[in-house]
Amino acid sequence: MKNKKRVFVDMDGTLAVWQSGADWHAPHYYRNLPKMENMIKAVKKMQEDAEVDISLLTCTPSSEATKDKSLWAQEVLPGVRIVFVPYGENKGDYVDVSENDILVDDYSPNLHAWEGRTIKVYNGINGTHGTYNGKFVRSEWDPQDIADTILNAAKEAAS
């Protein structure tokens, strides 16, 4: 059996709406983040592909945030694997990244530091500096188009 293609998906600004200007240290900030419905539907579609392994890869500033993010994710994507990274650290240091692993993230510095393949999520509040020049999706796209873009990148990586 072939190895599954691994896709790591960020949470804040990718699956959950980042609340600009809000106090992200406030109790239950992460537990109450609104869902980015098209992105979540796209991840659910990708989970149906037996050749793809989806994990969430998210930074967390505190143990309370970790608990809230875990509760949020299990409600939205039950059973999904979550890897928590201490805030400010390189996500790639917390998984054994291969050159074919894909990171789907809205934050360009995370994408620049990733040693595998990357897909930027444009969510309406990011992408203003033009520092990322790779594959991308837009959170307002149709969920099937988002899923197809990510799955096609995963299949290209495996060829």
C-alpha atoms as a PDB file:
ATOM      1  CA  MET A   1       0.000   0.000   0.000  1.00  0.00           C
ATOM      2  CA  LYS A   2       1.272   3.452  -0.918  1.00  0.00           C
ATOM      3  CA  ASN A   3       1.971   5.971   1.795  1.00  0.00           C
ATOM      4  CA  LYS A   4      -0.815   8.448   2.349  1.00  0.00           C
ATOM      5  CA  LYS A   5      -0.309  12.019   1.246  1.00  0.00           C
ATOM      6  CA  ARG A   6      -0.114  14.241   4.313  1.00  0.00           C
ATOM      7  CA  VAL A   7      -1.902  17.571   4.485  1.00  0.00           C
ATOM      8  CA  PHE A   8      -1.512  19.776   7.550  1.00  0.00           C
ATOM      9  CA  VAL A   9      -4.169  22.453   7.961  1.00  0.00           C
ATOM     10  CA  ASP A  10      -3.862  25.520  10.173  1.00  0.00           C
ATOM     11  CA  MET A  11      -6.845  26.537  12.327  1.00  0.00           C
ATOM     12  CA  ASP A  12      -6.873  30.290  13.039  1.00  0.00           C
ATOM     13  CA  GLY A  13      -7.556  32.270   9.874  1.00  0.00           C
ATOM     14  CA  THR A  14      -7.837  29.038   7.882  1.00  0.00           C
ATOM     15  CA  LEU A  15     -10.694  27.026   9.444  1.00  0.00           C
ATOM     16  CA  ALA A  16     -11.776  29.598  12.027  1.00  0.00           C
ATOM     17  CA  VAL A  17     -12.318  33.303  11.433  1.00  0.00           C
ATOM     18  CA  TRP A  18      -9.517  35.285  13.035  1.00  0.00           C
ATOM     19  CA  GLN A  19     -11.019  38.188  14.958  1.00  0.00           C
ATOM     20  CA  SER A  20      -8.743  41.130  14.145  1.00  0.00           C
ATOM     21  CA  GLY A  21      -8.441  43.493  17.068  1.00  0.00           C
ATOM     22  CA  ALA A  22      -9.939  41.017  19.563  1.00  0.00           C
ATOM     23  CA  ASP A  23      -8.061  39.940  22.680  1.00  0.00           C
ATOM     24  CA  TRP A  24      -6.795  36.467  21.771  1.00  0.00           C
ATOM     25  CA  HIS A  25      -5.692  36.018  25.385  1.00  0.00           C
ATOM     26  CA  ALA A  26      -9.290  36.415  26.615  1.00  0.00           C
ATOM     27  CA  PRO A  27     -10.871  33.325  28.199  1.00  0.00           C
ATOM     28  CA  HIS A  28     -12.444  31.045  25.589  1.00  0.00           C
ATOM     29  CA  TYR A  29     -11.448  33.274  22.675  1.00  0.00           C
ATOM     30  CA  TYR A  30     -10.507  30.211  20.620  1.00  0.00           C
ATOM     31  CA  ARG A  31     -13.512  28.160  21.708  1.00  0.00           C
ATOM     32  CA  ASN A  32     -15.875  30.778  20.288  1.00  0.00           C
ATOM     33  CA  LEU A  33     -14.241  31.555  16.947  1.00  0.00           C
ATOM     34  CA  PRO A  34     -16.707  31.528  14.042  1.00  0.00           C
ATOM     35  CA  LYS A  35     -16.244  28.791  11.469  1.00  0.00           C
ATOM     36  CA  MET A  36     -15.006  29.364   7.934  1.00  0.00           C
ATOM     37  CA  GLU A  37     -17.687  27.111   6.473  1.00  0.00           C
ATOM     38  CA  ASN A  38     -16.244  26.666   2.968  1.00  0.00           C
ATOM     39  CA  MET A  39     -12.831  25.706   4.324  1.00  0.00           C
ATOM     40  CA  ILE A  40     -14.342  23.232   6.790  1.00  0.00           C
ATOM     41  CA  LYS A  41     -16.491  21.664   4.060  1.00  0.00           C
ATOM     42  CA  ALA A  42     -13.376  21.368   1.875  1.00  0.00           C
ATOM     43  CA  VAL A  43     -11.473  19.567   4.651  1.00  0.00           C
ATOM     44  CA  LYS A  44     -14.401  17.182   5.137  1.00  0.00           C
ATOM     45  CA  LYS A  45     -14.343  16.422   1.403  1.00  0.00           C
ATOM     46  CA  MET A  46     -10.597  15.756   1.577  1.00  0.00           C
ATOM     47  CA  GLN A  47     -11.098  13.417   4.533  1.00  0.00           C
ATOM     48  CA  GLU A  48     -13.173  11.213   2.219  1.00  0.00           C
ATOM     49  CA  ASP A  49     -10.076  10.538   0.069  1.00  0.00           C
ATOM     50  CA  ALA A  50      -8.469   7.340   1.390  1.00  0.00           C
ATOM     51  CA  GLU A  51      -5.078   8.396   0.003  1.00  0.00           C
ATOM     52  CA  VAL A  52      -4.898  11.589   2.074  1.00  0.00           C
ATOM     53  CA  ASP A  53      -4.169  11.995   5.775  1.00  0.00           C
ATOM     54  CA  ILE A  54      -5.445  15.307   7.177  1.00  0.00           C
ATOM     55  CA  SER A  55      -4.096  16.749  10.425  1.00  0.00           C
ATOM     56  CA  LEU A  56      -4.590  20.126  12.033  1.00  0.00           C
ATOM     57  CA  LEU A  57      -1.372  21.960  12.849  1.00  0.00           C
ATOM     58  CA  THR A  58      -1.932  24.999  15.030  1.00  0.00           C
ATOM     59  CA  CYS A  59       0.001  27.309  17.310  1.00  0.00           C
ATOM     60  CA  THR A  60      -1.260  27.840  20.817  1.00  0.00           C
ATOM     61  CA  PRO A  61      -0.271  30.515  23.330  1.00  0.00           C
ATOM     62  CA  SER A  62      -1.467  28.759  26.517  1.00  0.00           C
ATOM     63  CA  SER A  63      -2.873  25.553  27.982  1.00  0.00           C
ATOM     64  CA  GLU A  64      -6.349  27.140  28.090  1.00  0.00           C
ATOM     65  CA  ALA A  65      -6.087  27.994  24.386  1.00  0.00           C
ATOM     66  CA  THR A  66      -4.991  24.412  23.674  1.00  0.00           C
ATOM     67  CA  LYS A  67      -8.054  23.065  25.460  1.00  0.00           C
ATOM     68  CA  ASP A  68     -10.388  25.511  23.689  1.00  0.00           C
ATOM     69  CA  LYS A  69      -8.874  24.768  20.275  1.00  0.00           C
ATOM     70  CA  SER A  70      -9.203  21.053  20.903  1.00  0.00           C
ATOM     71  CA  LEU A  71     -12.874  21.405  21.848  1.00  0.00           C
ATOM     72  CA  TRP A  72     -13.535  23.611  18.820  1.00  0.00           C
ATOM     73  CA  ALA A  73     -11.829  21.202  16.426  1.00  0.00           C
ATOM     74  CA  GLN A  74     -13.528  18.090  17.816  1.00  0.00           C
ATOM     75  CA  GLU A  75     -16.913  19.770  17.425  1.00  0.00           C
ATOM     76  CA  VAL A  76     -16.188  20.902  13.868  1.00  0.00           C
ATOM     77  CA  LEU A  77     -14.079  17.956  12.588  1.00  0.00           C
ATOM     78  CA  PRO A  78     -14.659  15.032  14.979  1.00  0.00           C
ATOM     79  CA  GLY A  79     -11.749  12.625  15.251  1.00  0.00           C
ATOM     80  CA  VAL A  80      -9.259  14.796  13.385  1.00  0.00           C
ATOM     81  CA  ARG A  81      -5.655  14.587  14.607  1.00  0.00           C
ATOM     82  CA  ILE A  82      -4.370  17.858  16.060  1.00  0.00           C
ATOM     83  CA  VAL A  83      -0.736  18.833  16.537  1.00  0.00           C
ATOM     84  CA  PHE A  84      -0.233  21.783  18.864  1.00  0.00           C
ATOM     85  CA  VAL A  85       2.801  24.021  18.445  1.00  0.00           C
ATOM     86  CA  PRO A  86       3.883  26.523  21.106  1.00  0.00           C
ATOM     87  CA  TYR A  87       3.112  30.043  19.916  1.00  0.00           C
ATOM     88  CA  GLY A  88       5.969  31.622  17.971  1.00  0.00           C
ATOM     89  CA  GLU A  89       7.703  28.352  17.095  1.00  0.00           C
ATOM     90  CA  ASN A  90       8.205  26.780  13.673  1.00  0.00           C
ATOM     91  CA  LYS A  91       5.380  24.364  12.843  1.00  0.00           C
ATOM     92  CA  GLY A  92       7.787  22.167  10.890  1.00  0.00           C
ATOM     93  CA  ASP A  93       9.734  21.446  14.071  1.00  0.00           C
ATOM     94  CA  TYR A  94       6.719  19.577  15.488  1.00  0.00           C
ATOM     95  CA  VAL A  95       6.104  17.117  12.654  1.00  0.00           C
ATOM     96  CA  ASP A  96       8.581  15.081  10.620  1.00  0.00           C
ATOM     97  CA  VAL A  97       8.118  17.076   7.408  1.00  0.00           C
ATOM     98  CA  SER A  98       8.878  15.457   4.062  1.00  0.00           C
ATOM     99  CA  GLU A  99       9.266  17.473   0.879  1.00  0.00           C
ATOM    100  CA  ASN A 100       5.844  16.226  -0.254  1.00  0.00           C
ATOM    101  CA  ASP A 101       3.906  17.163   2.895  1.00  0.00           C
ATOM    102  CA  ILE A 102       1.570  20.097   2.385  1.00  0.00           C
ATOM    103  CA  LEU A 103       0.881  22.942   4.796  1.00  0.00           C
ATOM    104  CA  VAL A 104      -2.362  24.869   4.229  1.00  0.00           C
ATOM    105  CA  ASP A 105      -2.059  28.120   6.188  1.00  0.00           C
ATOM    106  CA  ASP A 106      -3.030  31.793   6.021  1.00  0.00           C
ATOM    107  CA  TYR A 107       0.172  33.126   7.589  1.00  0.00           C
ATOM    108  CA  SER A 108       3.015  33.611   5.094  1.00  0.00           C
ATOM    109  CA  PRO A 109       5.894  33.283   7.620  1.00  0.00           C
ATOM    110  CA  ASN A 110       4.614  29.766   8.466  1.00  0.00           C
ATOM    111  CA  LEU A 111       4.557  28.921   4.764  1.00  0.00           C
ATOM    112  CA  HIS A 112       8.052  30.333   4.156  1.00  0.00           C
ATOM    113  CA  ALA A 113       9.493  28.244   7.024  1.00  0.00           C
ATOM    114  CA  TRP A 114       7.819  24.980   5.899  1.00  0.00           C
ATOM    115  CA  GLU A 115      10.194  22.525   4.183  1.00  0.00           C
ATOM    116  CA  GLY A 116       7.463  20.761   2.205  1.00  0.00           C
ATOM    117  CA  ARG A 117       4.843  22.120  -0.168  1.00  0.00           C
ATOM    118  CA  THR A 118       2.563  25.012   0.721  1.00  0.00           C
ATOM    119  CA  ILE A 119      -0.854  26.434  -0.066  1.00  0.00           C
ATOM    120  CA  LYS A 120      -1.830  29.866   1.186  1.00  0.00           C
ATOM    121  CA  VAL A 121      -5.368  30.574   2.326  1.00  0.00           C
ATOM    122  CA  TYR A 122      -6.491  34.082   1.461  1.00  0.00           C
ATOM    123  CA  ASN A 123      -9.228  34.978   3.929  1.00  0.00           C
ATOM    124  CA  GLY A 124      -9.997  38.627   3.257  1.00  0.00           C
ATOM    125  CA  ILE A 125      -7.713  40.056   5.959  1.00  0.00           C
ATOM    126  CA  ASN A 126      -4.325  38.735   4.857  1.00  0.00           C
ATOM    127  CA  GLY A 127      -2.115  38.776   1.795  1.00  0.00           C
ATOM    128  CA  THR A 128      -1.625  42.519   1.739  1.00  0.00           C
ATOM    129  CA  HIS A 129       2.195  42.450   1.624  1.00  0.00           C
ATOM    130  CA  GLY A 130       2.650  40.127  -1.364  1.00  0.00           C
ATOM    131  CA  THR A 131       5.401  38.017   0.212  1.00  0.00           C
ATOM    132  CA  TYR A 132       3.895  34.653  -0.829  1.00  0.00           C
ATOM    133  CA  ASN A 133       4.053  33.551  -4.468  1.00  0.00           C
ATOM    134  CA  GLY A 134       2.860  29.952  -4.533  1.00  0.00           C
ATOM    135  CA  LYS A 135      -0.314  27.906  -4.793  1.00  0.00           C
ATOM    136  CA  PHE A 136      -3.312  29.347  -3.002  1.00  0.00           C
ATOM    137  CA  VAL A 137      -7.007  29.029  -2.254  1.00  0.00           C
ATOM    138  CA  ARG A 138      -9.510  31.666  -1.221  1.00  0.00           C
ATOM    139  CA  SER A 139     -11.795  31.000   1.711  1.00  0.00           C
ATOM    140  CA  GLU A 140     -14.813  32.217  -0.257  1.00  0.00           C
ATOM    141  CA  TRP A 141     -14.282  29.678  -3.054  1.00  0.00           C
ATOM    142  CA  ASP A 142     -16.633  26.742  -3.471  1.00  0.00           C
ATOM    143  CA  PRO A 143     -15.588  23.950  -1.048  1.00  0.00           C
ATOM    144  CA  GLN A 144     -15.103  21.476  -3.910  1.00  0.00           C
ATOM    145  CA  ASP A 145     -12.725  23.896  -5.682  1.00  0.00           C
ATOM    146  CA  ILE A 146     -10.741  24.364  -2.467  1.00  0.00           C
ATOM    147  CA  ALA A 147     -10.544  20.604  -1.890  1.00  0.00           C
ATOM    148  CA  ASP A 148      -9.597  19.926  -5.520  1.00  0.00           C
ATOM    149  CA  THR A 149      -6.789  22.510  -5.438  1.00  0.00           C
ATOM    150  CA  ILE A 150      -5.294  20.985  -2.280  1.00  0.00           C
ATOM    151  CA  LEU A 151      -5.794  17.361  -3.387  1.00  0.00           C
ATOM    152  CA  ASN A 152      -4.263  18.073  -6.800  1.00  0.00           C
ATOM    153  CA  ALA A 153      -1.209  19.566  -5.081  1.00  0.00           C
ATOM    154  CA  ALA A 154      -0.959  16.460  -2.904  1.00  0.00           C
ATOM    155  CA  LYS A 155      -1.189  14.169  -5.933  1.00  0.00           C
ATOM    156  CA  GLU A 156       1.407  16.242  -7.832  1.00  0.00           C
ATOM    157  CA  ALA A 157       3.734  15.866  -4.865  1.00  0.00           C
ATOM    158  CA  ALA A 158       3.405  12.091  -4.989  1.00  0.00           C
ATOM    159  CA  SER A 159       4.174  11.803  -8.712  1.00  0.00           C
END
